[in-house]
Amino acid sequence: MASAERAFLARTPAATEALGESLGRGLGPGAVLALLGELGAGKTTFVRGLARGLESPDAVSSPTFTLLHEYGGRVPLFHFDAWMAAREESFLQSGAAEYLGGEGVSAVEWADRVAPWLPAPRLEVELTHAPLPAGPEEAPDPVPAARRIRLRVVAGGTGPAAAALAAALAAALEALRAPPDAREEPFPAGGTPAGELR
């Protein structure tokens, strides 16, 4: 199987979007992305790029107060926000869980709050603030928009369909290319992001 984990440093929001777009080009039906990260870490920014990679013409915004946004494209994108975990769990119990691993790509922000509902295989995407030190005279201040983005395929499930989906997620991750304002970094020691779902 292709590499199942990668990490990047994105210096700008545009680079975060571009990474999402690059990943989106390789995803197909059934893919589930568990997005982890503190408030303002760039989860919706990443999904905005993901939608572009899925060829969606729709404007992407955070679904915090609407539970779910659905975007058209080559493959539908189902964008969840579990910030309000109890409300999202009730929504998933009432039938929305069918979207996860279904006919589209599902992206779940604050995924750690609804971890029991997430299928495996899935792709965990952890975004963290990574202010960079000040540069030369033209950029004397720290770069506050920089983000570390760690991606990891979580295998699981049984049978040929689960194995095929895990392989497809790993292939999409392997095909991911860093845009000019980002660079690849070694995956963290131990191979697990700090915000990994348990």
N, C-alpha and C. Protein backbone atom coordinates (compact mmCIF):
# COMPACT_ATOMS: atom_id res chain seq x y z
N MET A 1 0.85 -1.18 0.00
CA MET A 1 0.00 0.00 0.00
C MET A 1 0.89 1.24 0.00
N ALA A 2 0.40 2.33 -0.60
CA ALA A 2 1.13 3.60 -0.63
C ALA A 2 1.27 4.13 0.79
N SER A 3 2.11 5.16 0.94
CA SER A 3 2.33 5.77 2.26
C SER A 3 1.00 6.14 2.90
N ALA A 4 0.87 5.85 4.19
CA ALA A 4 -0.40 6.09 4.87
C ALA A 4 -0.36 7.29 5.80
N GLU A 5 0.73 8.07 5.78
CA GLU A 5 0.79 9.27 6.61
C GLU A 5 1.77 10.27 6.01
N ARG A 6 1.36 11.54 6.10
CA ARG A 6 2.22 12.62 5.60
C ARG A 6 1.96 13.87 6.44
N ALA A 7 2.92 14.79 6.43
CA ALA A 7 2.78 16.04 7.18
C ALA A 7 3.34 17.18 6.34
N PHE A 8 2.69 18.35 6.47
CA PHE A 8 3.08 19.53 5.70
C PHE A 8 3.07 20.76 6.60
N LEU A 9 3.84 21.75 6.21
CA LEU A 9 3.78 23.08 6.81
C LEU A 9 3.29 24.02 5.72
N ALA A 10 2.11 24.60 5.93
CA ALA A 10 1.52 25.54 4.97
C ALA A 10 1.70 26.94 5.53
N ARG A 11 2.36 27.82 4.78
CA ARG A 11 2.67 29.17 5.28
C ARG A 11 1.49 30.12 5.19
N THR A 12 0.50 29.83 4.35
CA THR A 12 -0.61 30.75 4.13
C THR A 12 -1.93 29.98 4.07
N PRO A 13 -3.07 30.68 4.26
CA PRO A 13 -4.36 30.03 4.06
C PRO A 13 -4.51 29.49 2.63
N ALA A 14 -3.95 30.21 1.65
CA ALA A 14 -4.03 29.74 0.26
C ALA A 14 -3.31 28.40 0.10
N ALA A 15 -2.21 28.22 0.82
CA ALA A 15 -1.48 26.94 0.76
C ALA A 15 -2.30 25.83 1.42
N THR A 16 -3.00 26.16 2.52
CA THR A 16 -3.87 25.18 3.17
C THR A 16 -4.98 24.75 2.22
N GLU A 17 -5.59 25.73 1.54
CA GLU A 17 -6.62 25.42 0.54
C GLU A 17 -6.06 24.56 -0.58
N ALA A 18 -4.87 24.91 -1.06
CA ALA A 18 -4.27 24.18 -2.17
C ALA A 18 -3.99 22.73 -1.80
N LEU A 19 -3.58 22.47 -0.56
CA LEU A 19 -3.39 21.10 -0.11
C LEU A 19 -4.72 20.35 -0.12
N GLY A 20 -5.79 21.01 0.35
CA GLY A 20 -7.12 20.39 0.32
C GLY A 20 -7.55 20.09 -1.11
N GLU A 21 -7.28 21.03 -2.02
CA GLU A 21 -7.65 20.84 -3.42
C GLU A 21 -6.89 19.66 -4.03
N SER A 22 -5.59 19.59 -3.77
CA SER A 22 -4.79 18.49 -4.28
C SER A 22 -5.31 17.14 -3.78
N LEU A 23 -5.66 17.08 -2.52
CA LEU A 23 -6.21 15.85 -1.96
C LEU A 23 -7.56 15.52 -2.59
N GLY A 24 -8.42 16.53 -2.74
CA GLY A 24 -9.74 16.32 -3.30
C GLY A 24 -9.73 15.72 -4.69
N ARG A 25 -8.72 16.06 -5.47
CA ARG A 25 -8.61 15.50 -6.83
C ARG A 25 -8.51 13.98 -6.82
N GLY A 26 -7.97 13.42 -5.74
CA GLY A 26 -7.77 11.98 -5.68
C GLY A 26 -8.83 11.21 -4.92
N LEU A 27 -9.82 11.90 -4.36
CA LEU A 27 -10.83 11.21 -3.54
C LEU A 27 -12.05 10.82 -4.36
N GLY A 28 -12.69 9.75 -3.92
CA GLY A 28 -13.91 9.27 -4.56
C GLY A 28 -14.97 8.94 -3.53
N PRO A 29 -16.08 8.38 -3.98
CA PRO A 29 -17.19 8.04 -3.08
C PRO A 29 -16.74 7.16 -1.92
N GLY A 30 -17.29 7.44 -0.75
CA GLY A 30 -17.01 6.65 0.44
C GLY A 30 -15.91 7.21 1.31
N ALA A 31 -15.14 8.18 0.81
CA ALA A 31 -14.05 8.74 1.60
C ALA A 31 -14.60 9.57 2.76
N VAL A 32 -14.05 9.36 3.94
CA VAL A 32 -14.42 10.12 5.13
C VAL A 32 -13.16 10.79 5.66
N LEU A 33 -13.24 12.11 5.85
CA LEU A 33 -12.13 12.87 6.42
C LEU A 33 -12.53 13.33 7.81
N ALA A 34 -11.75 12.96 8.81
CA ALA A 34 -11.96 13.39 10.19
C ALA A 34 -11.02 14.57 10.42
N LEU A 35 -11.57 15.78 10.50
CA LEU A 35 -10.77 16.99 10.65
C LEU A 35 -10.65 17.35 12.12
N LEU A 36 -9.40 17.49 12.56
CA LEU A 36 -9.09 17.79 13.96
C LEU A 36 -8.33 19.11 14.02
N GLY A 37 -8.54 19.86 15.08
CA GLY A 37 -7.79 21.10 15.26
C GLY A 37 -8.57 22.10 16.07
N GLU A 38 -7.83 22.96 16.73
CA GLU A 38 -8.45 23.97 17.57
C GLU A 38 -9.20 25.00 16.72
N LEU A 39 -9.92 25.87 17.39
CA LEU A 39 -10.67 26.93 16.74
C LEU A 39 -9.72 27.78 15.90
N GLY A 40 -10.08 28.01 14.65
CA GLY A 40 -9.27 28.85 13.77
C GLY A 40 -8.06 28.17 13.18
N ALA A 41 -7.97 26.84 13.29
CA ALA A 41 -6.80 26.12 12.79
C ALA A 41 -6.80 25.94 11.28
N GLY A 42 -7.95 26.17 10.63
CA GLY A 42 -7.99 26.07 9.17
C GLY A 42 -8.80 24.91 8.63
N LYS A 43 -9.66 24.33 9.45
CA LYS A 43 -10.45 23.18 9.01
C LYS A 43 -11.37 23.55 7.84
N THR A 44 -12.12 24.64 7.97
CA THR A 44 -13.02 25.05 6.88
C THR A 44 -12.21 25.50 5.67
N THR A 45 -11.09 26.14 5.89
CA THR A 45 -10.21 26.54 4.78
C THR A 45 -9.77 25.31 4.00
N PHE A 46 -9.39 24.26 4.70
CA PHE A 46 -8.98 23.01 4.05
C PHE A 46 -10.15 22.43 3.25
N VAL A 47 -11.36 22.45 3.82
CA VAL A 47 -12.54 21.91 3.13
C VAL A 47 -12.88 22.75 1.90
N ARG A 48 -12.64 24.05 1.97
CA ARG A 48 -12.87 24.91 0.80
C ARG A 48 -12.03 24.41 -0.39
N GLY A 49 -10.76 24.09 -0.13
CA GLY A 49 -9.90 23.54 -1.16
C GLY A 49 -10.35 22.15 -1.59
N LEU A 50 -10.74 21.33 -0.63
CA LEU A 50 -11.23 19.99 -0.92
C LEU A 50 -12.39 20.05 -1.91
N ALA A 51 -13.31 20.98 -1.69
CA ALA A 51 -14.45 21.13 -2.59
C ALA A 51 -13.99 21.49 -4.01
N ARG A 52 -13.00 22.37 -4.12
CA ARG A 52 -12.46 22.70 -5.45
C ARG A 52 -11.88 21.47 -6.12
N GLY A 53 -11.16 20.65 -5.35
CA GLY A 53 -10.58 19.43 -5.90
C GLY A 53 -11.63 18.44 -6.35
N LEU A 54 -12.81 18.51 -5.75
CA LEU A 54 -13.94 17.66 -6.15
C LEU A 54 -14.78 18.33 -7.24
N GLU A 55 -14.27 19.45 -7.76
CA GLU A 55 -14.89 20.21 -8.85
C GLU A 55 -16.25 20.78 -8.48
N SER A 56 -16.38 21.21 -7.24
CA SER A 56 -17.63 21.83 -6.80
C SER A 56 -17.62 23.32 -7.17
N PRO A 57 -18.72 23.80 -7.75
CA PRO A 57 -18.83 25.22 -8.05
C PRO A 57 -19.37 26.02 -6.85
N ASP A 58 -19.69 25.34 -5.77
CA ASP A 58 -20.36 25.96 -4.64
C ASP A 58 -19.40 26.66 -3.70
N ALA A 59 -19.88 27.74 -3.08
CA ALA A 59 -19.11 28.45 -2.05
C ALA A 59 -19.18 27.65 -0.75
N VAL A 60 -18.04 27.45 -0.11
CA VAL A 60 -17.97 26.65 1.11
C VAL A 60 -17.92 27.57 2.33
N SER A 61 -18.74 27.23 3.33
CA SER A 61 -18.71 27.95 4.60
C SER A 61 -18.86 26.94 5.73
N SER A 62 -18.58 27.37 6.94
CA SER A 62 -18.66 26.47 8.09
C SER A 62 -20.11 26.07 8.35
N PRO A 63 -20.36 24.77 8.56
CA PRO A 63 -21.73 24.33 8.86
C PRO A 63 -22.06 24.30 10.35
N THR A 64 -21.37 25.09 11.17
CA THR A 64 -21.55 25.03 12.61
C THR A 64 -23.01 25.15 13.03
N PHE A 65 -23.75 26.04 12.43
CA PHE A 65 -25.13 26.26 12.87
C PHE A 65 -26.16 25.56 12.01
N THR A 66 -25.72 24.82 10.99
CA THR A 66 -26.66 24.13 10.11
C THR A 66 -26.46 22.61 10.11
N LEU A 67 -25.53 22.10 10.88
CA LEU A 67 -25.22 20.68 11.01
C LEU A 67 -24.51 20.08 9.80
N LEU A 68 -25.00 20.38 8.59
CA LEU A 68 -24.45 19.76 7.39
C LEU A 68 -24.65 20.68 6.20
N HIS A 69 -23.59 20.84 5.42
CA HIS A 69 -23.70 21.48 4.11
C HIS A 69 -23.40 20.42 3.06
N GLU A 70 -24.17 20.42 2.00
CA GLU A 70 -23.93 19.51 0.88
C GLU A 70 -23.53 20.34 -0.33
N TYR A 71 -22.42 19.95 -0.97
CA TYR A 71 -21.92 20.66 -2.13
C TYR A 71 -21.89 19.70 -3.32
N GLY A 72 -22.27 20.22 -4.50
CA GLY A 72 -22.21 19.43 -5.72
C GLY A 72 -20.79 19.31 -6.21
N GLY A 73 -20.61 18.55 -7.29
CA GLY A 73 -19.29 18.40 -7.89
C GLY A 73 -19.16 17.05 -8.55
N ARG A 74 -17.94 16.69 -8.92
CA ARG A 74 -17.66 15.39 -9.52
C ARG A 74 -18.18 14.28 -8.61
N VAL A 75 -18.01 14.47 -7.31
CA VAL A 75 -18.54 13.61 -6.25
C VAL A 75 -19.14 14.57 -5.23
N PRO A 76 -20.34 14.29 -4.71
CA PRO A 76 -20.90 15.19 -3.69
C PRO A 76 -20.01 15.27 -2.46
N LEU A 77 -19.99 16.44 -1.84
CA LEU A 77 -19.23 16.65 -0.60
C LEU A 77 -20.22 16.95 0.51
N PHE A 78 -20.15 16.16 1.58
CA PHE A 78 -20.99 16.35 2.76
C PHE A 78 -20.09 16.90 3.87
N HIS A 79 -20.37 18.12 4.29
CA HIS A 79 -19.50 18.86 5.21
C HIS A 79 -20.22 18.98 6.56
N PHE A 80 -19.76 18.25 7.56
CA PHE A 80 -20.34 18.24 8.90
C PHE A 80 -19.51 19.11 9.84
N ASP A 81 -20.14 19.59 10.91
CA ASP A 81 -19.42 20.30 11.96
C ASP A 81 -19.94 19.79 13.30
N ALA A 82 -19.06 19.15 14.06
CA ALA A 82 -19.45 18.55 15.34
C ALA A 82 -19.06 19.42 16.52
N TRP A 83 -18.89 20.73 16.30
CA TRP A 83 -18.55 21.64 17.40
C TRP A 83 -19.53 21.46 18.56
N MET A 84 -20.81 21.38 18.24
CA MET A 84 -21.85 21.15 19.25
C MET A 84 -22.16 19.66 19.23
N ALA A 85 -21.35 18.89 19.91
CA ALA A 85 -21.34 17.43 19.79
C ALA A 85 -22.69 16.79 20.05
N ALA A 86 -23.40 17.19 21.09
CA ALA A 86 -24.68 16.55 21.42
C ALA A 86 -25.68 16.73 20.29
N ARG A 87 -25.70 17.92 19.71
CA ARG A 87 -26.62 18.19 18.60
C ARG A 87 -26.24 17.36 17.38
N GLU A 88 -24.94 17.28 17.09
CA GLU A 88 -24.47 16.52 15.94
C GLU A 88 -24.72 15.02 16.13
N GLU A 89 -24.52 14.51 17.34
CA GLU A 89 -24.78 13.09 17.59
C GLU A 89 -26.26 12.78 17.39
N SER A 90 -27.14 13.65 17.85
CA SER A 90 -28.57 13.46 17.64
C SER A 90 -28.89 13.45 16.14
N PHE A 91 -28.28 14.34 15.40
CA PHE A 91 -28.45 14.41 13.95
C PHE A 91 -27.97 13.12 13.29
N LEU A 92 -26.82 12.61 13.71
CA LEU A 92 -26.29 11.37 13.14
C LEU A 92 -27.20 10.19 13.48
N GLN A 93 -27.71 10.16 14.72
CA GLN A 93 -28.62 9.08 15.13
C GLN A 93 -29.90 9.08 14.32
N SER A 94 -30.34 10.26 13.90
CA SER A 94 -31.61 10.36 13.17
C SER A 94 -31.47 10.02 11.68
N GLY A 95 -30.31 9.53 11.27
CA GLY A 95 -30.17 9.06 9.90
C GLY A 95 -29.04 9.69 9.10
N ALA A 96 -28.48 10.79 9.59
CA ALA A 96 -27.41 11.46 8.84
C ALA A 96 -26.13 10.64 8.78
N ALA A 97 -25.99 9.64 9.66
CA ALA A 97 -24.80 8.79 9.64
C ALA A 97 -24.68 8.05 8.32
N GLU A 98 -25.78 7.90 7.60
CA GLU A 98 -25.74 7.23 6.29
C GLU A 98 -24.87 7.98 5.29
N TYR A 99 -24.67 9.27 5.49
CA TYR A 99 -23.79 10.04 4.61
C TYR A 99 -22.33 9.60 4.75
N LEU A 100 -21.96 9.17 5.96
CA LEU A 100 -20.57 8.80 6.23
C LEU A 100 -20.24 7.50 5.52
N GLY A 101 -19.31 7.56 4.60
CA GLY A 101 -18.93 6.37 3.85
C GLY A 101 -19.91 6.02 2.75
N GLY A 102 -20.80 6.95 2.41
CA GLY A 102 -21.80 6.70 1.38
C GLY A 102 -21.35 7.07 -0.01
N GLU A 103 -22.24 7.68 -0.77
CA GLU A 103 -21.99 7.96 -2.19
C GLU A 103 -21.13 9.19 -2.44
N GLY A 104 -20.81 9.93 -1.39
CA GLY A 104 -20.00 11.13 -1.57
C GLY A 104 -18.75 11.07 -0.72
N VAL A 105 -18.10 12.23 -0.60
CA VAL A 105 -16.97 12.41 0.30
C VAL A 105 -17.51 13.16 1.52
N SER A 106 -17.21 12.68 2.72
CA SER A 106 -17.67 13.33 3.94
C SER A 106 -16.48 13.95 4.66
N ALA A 107 -16.63 15.21 5.06
CA ALA A 107 -15.61 15.91 5.83
C ALA A 107 -16.26 16.33 7.15
N VAL A 108 -15.71 15.88 8.27
CA VAL A 108 -16.29 16.13 9.59
C VAL A 108 -15.34 16.98 10.41
N GLU A 109 -15.71 18.26 10.61
CA GLU A 109 -14.92 19.13 11.48
C GLU A 109 -15.22 18.78 12.93
N TRP A 110 -14.21 18.93 13.80
CA TRP A 110 -14.31 18.58 15.23
C TRP A 110 -14.65 17.10 15.37
N ALA A 111 -14.06 16.28 14.53
CA ALA A 111 -14.39 14.86 14.44
C ALA A 111 -14.19 14.11 15.75
N ASP A 112 -13.26 14.57 16.58
CA ASP A 112 -13.02 13.88 17.85
C ASP A 112 -14.25 13.90 18.75
N ARG A 113 -15.17 14.82 18.51
CA ARG A 113 -16.37 14.93 19.34
C ARG A 113 -17.45 13.90 18.96
N VAL A 114 -17.32 13.29 17.79
CA VAL A 114 -18.28 12.27 17.35
C VAL A 114 -17.54 11.01 16.90
N ALA A 115 -16.38 10.75 17.49
CA ALA A 115 -15.52 9.65 17.08
C ALA A 115 -16.23 8.30 16.96
N PRO A 116 -17.13 7.94 17.88
CA PRO A 116 -17.77 6.62 17.76
C PRO A 116 -18.59 6.45 16.47
N TRP A 117 -18.97 7.55 15.86
CA TRP A 117 -19.78 7.48 14.65
C TRP A 117 -18.95 7.35 13.37
N LEU A 118 -17.67 7.59 13.46
CA LEU A 118 -16.85 7.63 12.25
C LEU A 118 -16.42 6.24 11.81
N PRO A 119 -16.63 5.96 10.53
CA PRO A 119 -16.23 4.64 10.03
C PRO A 119 -14.73 4.57 9.78
N ALA A 120 -14.24 3.37 9.72
CA ALA A 120 -12.88 3.12 9.25
C ALA A 120 -13.06 2.18 8.06
N PRO A 121 -12.27 2.39 7.04
CA PRO A 121 -11.15 3.32 6.97
C PRO A 121 -11.61 4.76 6.81
N ARG A 122 -10.71 5.67 7.21
CA ARG A 122 -10.95 7.11 7.08
C ARG A 122 -9.59 7.80 7.03
N LEU A 123 -9.62 9.07 6.71
CA LEU A 123 -8.41 9.87 6.68
C LEU A 123 -8.51 10.91 7.78
N GLU A 124 -7.59 10.88 8.74
CA GLU A 124 -7.54 11.90 9.78
C GLU A 124 -6.65 13.04 9.31
N VAL A 125 -7.16 14.26 9.45
CA VAL A 125 -6.44 15.46 9.05
C VAL A 125 -6.38 16.38 10.26
N GLU A 126 -5.19 16.54 10.81
CA GLU A 126 -5.02 17.41 11.98
C GLU A 126 -4.36 18.70 11.55
N LEU A 127 -4.99 19.83 11.88
CA LEU A 127 -4.44 21.15 11.56
C LEU A 127 -4.12 21.87 12.87
N THR A 128 -2.92 22.43 12.95
CA THR A 128 -2.51 23.17 14.14
C THR A 128 -1.86 24.48 13.74
N HIS A 129 -1.99 25.47 14.60
CA HIS A 129 -1.32 26.75 14.39
C HIS A 129 0.19 26.51 14.47
N ALA A 130 0.93 27.16 13.57
CA ALA A 130 2.38 27.01 13.55
C ALA A 130 3.02 28.35 13.20
N PRO A 131 2.89 29.37 14.07
CA PRO A 131 3.49 30.67 13.73
C PRO A 131 4.98 30.51 13.43
N LEU A 132 5.38 31.06 12.33
CA LEU A 132 6.78 30.99 11.92
C LEU A 132 7.54 32.19 12.45
N PRO A 133 8.83 32.05 12.70
CA PRO A 133 9.61 33.20 13.16
C PRO A 133 9.69 34.27 12.09
N ALA A 134 9.97 35.47 12.52
CA ALA A 134 10.09 36.60 11.60
C ALA A 134 11.18 36.30 10.58
N GLY A 135 10.98 36.83 9.38
CA GLY A 135 11.93 36.60 8.30
C GLY A 135 12.81 37.81 8.06
N PRO A 136 13.23 37.99 6.82
CA PRO A 136 14.07 39.14 6.47
C PRO A 136 13.30 40.45 6.62
N GLU A 137 13.97 41.54 6.28
CA GLU A 137 13.37 42.87 6.50
C GLU A 137 11.98 43.03 5.92
N GLU A 138 11.71 42.37 4.78
CA GLU A 138 10.38 42.56 4.17
C GLU A 138 9.27 41.85 4.95
N ALA A 139 9.60 40.95 5.87
CA ALA A 139 8.60 40.27 6.68
C ALA A 139 9.09 40.21 8.13
N PRO A 140 9.11 41.35 8.82
CA PRO A 140 9.68 41.38 10.17
C PRO A 140 8.81 40.70 11.23
N ASP A 141 7.52 40.54 10.97
CA ASP A 141 6.63 39.96 11.97
C ASP A 141 6.50 38.46 11.75
N PRO A 142 6.16 37.71 12.81
CA PRO A 142 5.90 36.29 12.63
C PRO A 142 4.77 36.08 11.63
N VAL A 143 4.75 34.92 10.98
CA VAL A 143 3.71 34.58 10.01
C VAL A 143 2.61 33.84 10.76
N PRO A 144 1.52 34.52 11.17
CA PRO A 144 0.52 33.89 12.03
C PRO A 144 -0.37 32.89 11.30
N ALA A 145 -0.43 32.93 9.98
CA ALA A 145 -1.35 32.07 9.25
C ALA A 145 -0.78 30.70 8.95
N ALA A 146 0.45 30.43 9.34
CA ALA A 146 1.06 29.13 9.04
C ALA A 146 0.36 28.02 9.83
N ARG A 147 0.25 26.87 9.17
CA ARG A 147 -0.41 25.71 9.77
C ARG A 147 0.40 24.46 9.52
N ARG A 148 0.45 23.58 10.51
CA ARG A 148 0.95 22.23 10.31
C ARG A 148 -0.26 21.37 9.98
N ILE A 149 -0.14 20.57 8.96
CA ILE A 149 -1.24 19.72 8.52
C ILE A 149 -0.70 18.29 8.46
N ARG A 150 -1.27 17.45 9.30
CA ARG A 150 -0.85 16.04 9.37
C ARG A 150 -2.00 15.17 8.90
N LEU A 151 -1.71 14.28 8.00
CA LEU A 151 -2.73 13.42 7.41
C LEU A 151 -2.33 11.97 7.62
N ARG A 152 -3.30 11.15 7.98
CA ARG A 152 -3.01 9.75 8.27
C ARG A 152 -4.23 8.88 7.94
N VAL A 153 -4.00 7.82 7.19
CA VAL A 153 -5.06 6.86 6.91
C VAL A 153 -5.23 5.96 8.12
N VAL A 154 -6.47 5.84 8.59
CA VAL A 154 -6.81 4.93 9.67
C VAL A 154 -7.50 3.74 9.01
N ALA A 155 -6.83 2.60 9.02
CA ALA A 155 -7.40 1.40 8.41
C ALA A 155 -8.47 0.83 9.32
N GLY A 156 -9.24 -0.06 8.81
CA GLY A 156 -10.28 -0.69 9.60
C GLY A 156 -11.34 -1.26 8.70
N GLY A 157 -12.33 -1.80 9.31
CA GLY A 157 -13.38 -2.45 8.53
C GLY A 157 -12.90 -3.81 8.06
N THR A 158 -13.80 -4.54 7.47
CA THR A 158 -13.44 -5.88 6.98
C THR A 158 -13.93 -6.03 5.55
N GLY A 159 -13.33 -6.95 4.87
CA GLY A 159 -13.77 -7.31 3.53
C GLY A 159 -13.09 -6.50 2.45
N PRO A 160 -13.36 -6.87 1.21
CA PRO A 160 -12.70 -6.25 0.07
C PRO A 160 -13.05 -4.77 -0.10
N ALA A 161 -14.28 -4.38 0.22
CA ALA A 161 -14.66 -2.97 0.04
C ALA A 161 -13.86 -2.07 0.99
N ALA A 162 -13.69 -2.49 2.24
CA ALA A 162 -12.91 -1.69 3.21
C ALA A 162 -11.45 -1.64 2.79
N ALA A 163 -10.91 -2.76 2.33
CA ALA A 163 -9.51 -2.79 1.89
C ALA A 163 -9.32 -1.89 0.67
N ALA A 164 -10.27 -1.90 -0.25
CA ALA A 164 -10.17 -1.06 -1.45
C ALA A 164 -10.25 0.41 -1.08
N LEU A 165 -11.13 0.77 -0.14
CA LEU A 165 -11.25 2.16 0.28
C LEU A 165 -9.97 2.62 1.00
N ALA A 166 -9.42 1.78 1.86
CA ALA A 166 -8.17 2.14 2.55
C ALA A 166 -7.05 2.35 1.53
N ALA A 167 -6.99 1.50 0.52
CA ALA A 167 -5.96 1.64 -0.52
C ALA A 167 -6.19 2.91 -1.33
N ALA A 168 -7.44 3.24 -1.61
CA ALA A 168 -7.75 4.47 -2.36
C ALA A 168 -7.38 5.71 -1.55
N LEU A 169 -7.65 5.69 -0.25
CA LEU A 169 -7.28 6.83 0.61
C LEU A 169 -5.76 6.98 0.65
N ALA A 170 -5.04 5.87 0.77
CA ALA A 170 -3.58 5.92 0.81
C ALA A 170 -3.03 6.43 -0.52
N ALA A 171 -3.64 6.03 -1.63
CA ALA A 171 -3.19 6.50 -2.95
C ALA A 171 -3.43 7.99 -3.10
N ALA A 172 -4.58 8.48 -2.64
CA ALA A 172 -4.87 9.92 -2.70
C ALA A 172 -3.87 10.69 -1.84
N LEU A 173 -3.53 10.14 -0.70
CA LEU A 173 -2.56 10.78 0.19
C LEU A 173 -1.17 10.79 -0.45
N GLU A 174 -0.80 9.71 -1.10
CA GLU A 174 0.51 9.62 -1.76
C GLU A 174 0.60 10.62 -2.92
N ALA A 175 -0.51 10.86 -3.61
CA ALA A 175 -0.53 11.77 -4.77
C ALA A 175 -0.54 13.24 -4.35
N LEU A 176 -0.77 13.52 -3.09
CA LEU A 176 -0.84 14.89 -2.58
C LEU A 176 0.47 15.63 -2.85
N ARG A 177 0.37 16.83 -3.41
CA ARG A 177 1.55 17.64 -3.73
C ARG A 177 1.51 18.95 -2.96
N ALA A 178 2.65 19.34 -2.42
CA ALA A 178 2.75 20.60 -1.69
C ALA A 178 2.76 21.76 -2.67
N PRO A 179 1.93 22.78 -2.44
CA PRO A 179 1.97 23.97 -3.28
C PRO A 179 3.22 24.79 -2.98
N PRO A 180 3.49 25.84 -3.76
CA PRO A 180 4.72 26.63 -3.55
C PRO A 180 4.88 27.20 -2.15
N ASP A 181 3.79 27.54 -1.48
CA ASP A 181 3.89 28.15 -0.16
C ASP A 181 3.75 27.13 0.97
N ALA A 182 4.10 25.88 0.69
CA ALA A 182 4.06 24.82 1.70
C ALA A 182 5.24 23.89 1.46
N ARG A 183 5.54 23.12 2.49
CA ARG A 183 6.60 22.12 2.33
C ARG A 183 6.24 20.88 3.13
N GLU A 184 6.72 19.76 2.66
CA GLU A 184 6.50 18.51 3.38
C GLU A 184 7.47 18.43 4.55
N GLU A 185 7.01 17.85 5.63
CA GLU A 185 7.82 17.66 6.83
C GLU A 185 7.76 16.19 7.23
N PRO A 186 8.69 15.76 8.06
CA PRO A 186 8.59 14.38 8.57
C PRO A 186 7.33 14.24 9.41
N PHE A 187 6.72 13.07 9.35
CA PHE A 187 5.57 12.82 10.21
C PHE A 187 6.07 12.76 11.65
N PRO A 188 5.26 13.19 12.62
CA PRO A 188 5.72 13.25 14.02
C PRO A 188 6.25 11.90 14.51
N ALA A 189 7.19 11.95 15.40
CA ALA A 189 7.75 10.73 16.01
C ALA A 189 6.64 9.90 16.60
N GLY A 190 6.72 8.62 16.41
CA GLY A 190 5.68 7.73 16.91
C GLY A 190 4.57 7.54 15.91
N GLY A 191 4.50 8.41 14.88
CA GLY A 191 3.55 8.22 13.79
C GLY A 191 2.12 8.54 14.09
N THR A 192 1.82 9.24 15.19
CA THR A 192 0.43 9.57 15.48
C THR A 192 0.30 11.05 15.79
N PRO A 193 -0.64 11.73 15.14
CA PRO A 193 -0.87 13.14 15.45
C PRO A 193 -1.32 13.32 16.89
N ALA A 194 -1.05 14.49 17.43
CA ALA A 194 -1.40 14.78 18.83
C ALA A 194 -2.90 14.68 19.07
N GLY A 195 -3.72 15.04 18.10
CA GLY A 195 -5.17 15.03 18.29
C GLY A 195 -5.84 13.77 17.79
N GLU A 196 -5.10 12.69 17.65
CA GLU A 196 -5.63 11.46 17.08
C GLU A 196 -6.91 11.03 17.79
N LEU A 197 -7.83 10.50 17.00
CA LEU A 197 -9.07 9.97 17.55
C LEU A 197 -8.78 8.66 18.28
N ARG A 198 -9.44 8.46 19.33
CA ARG A 198 -9.24 7.21 20.10
C ARG A 198 -10.45 6.32 19.91
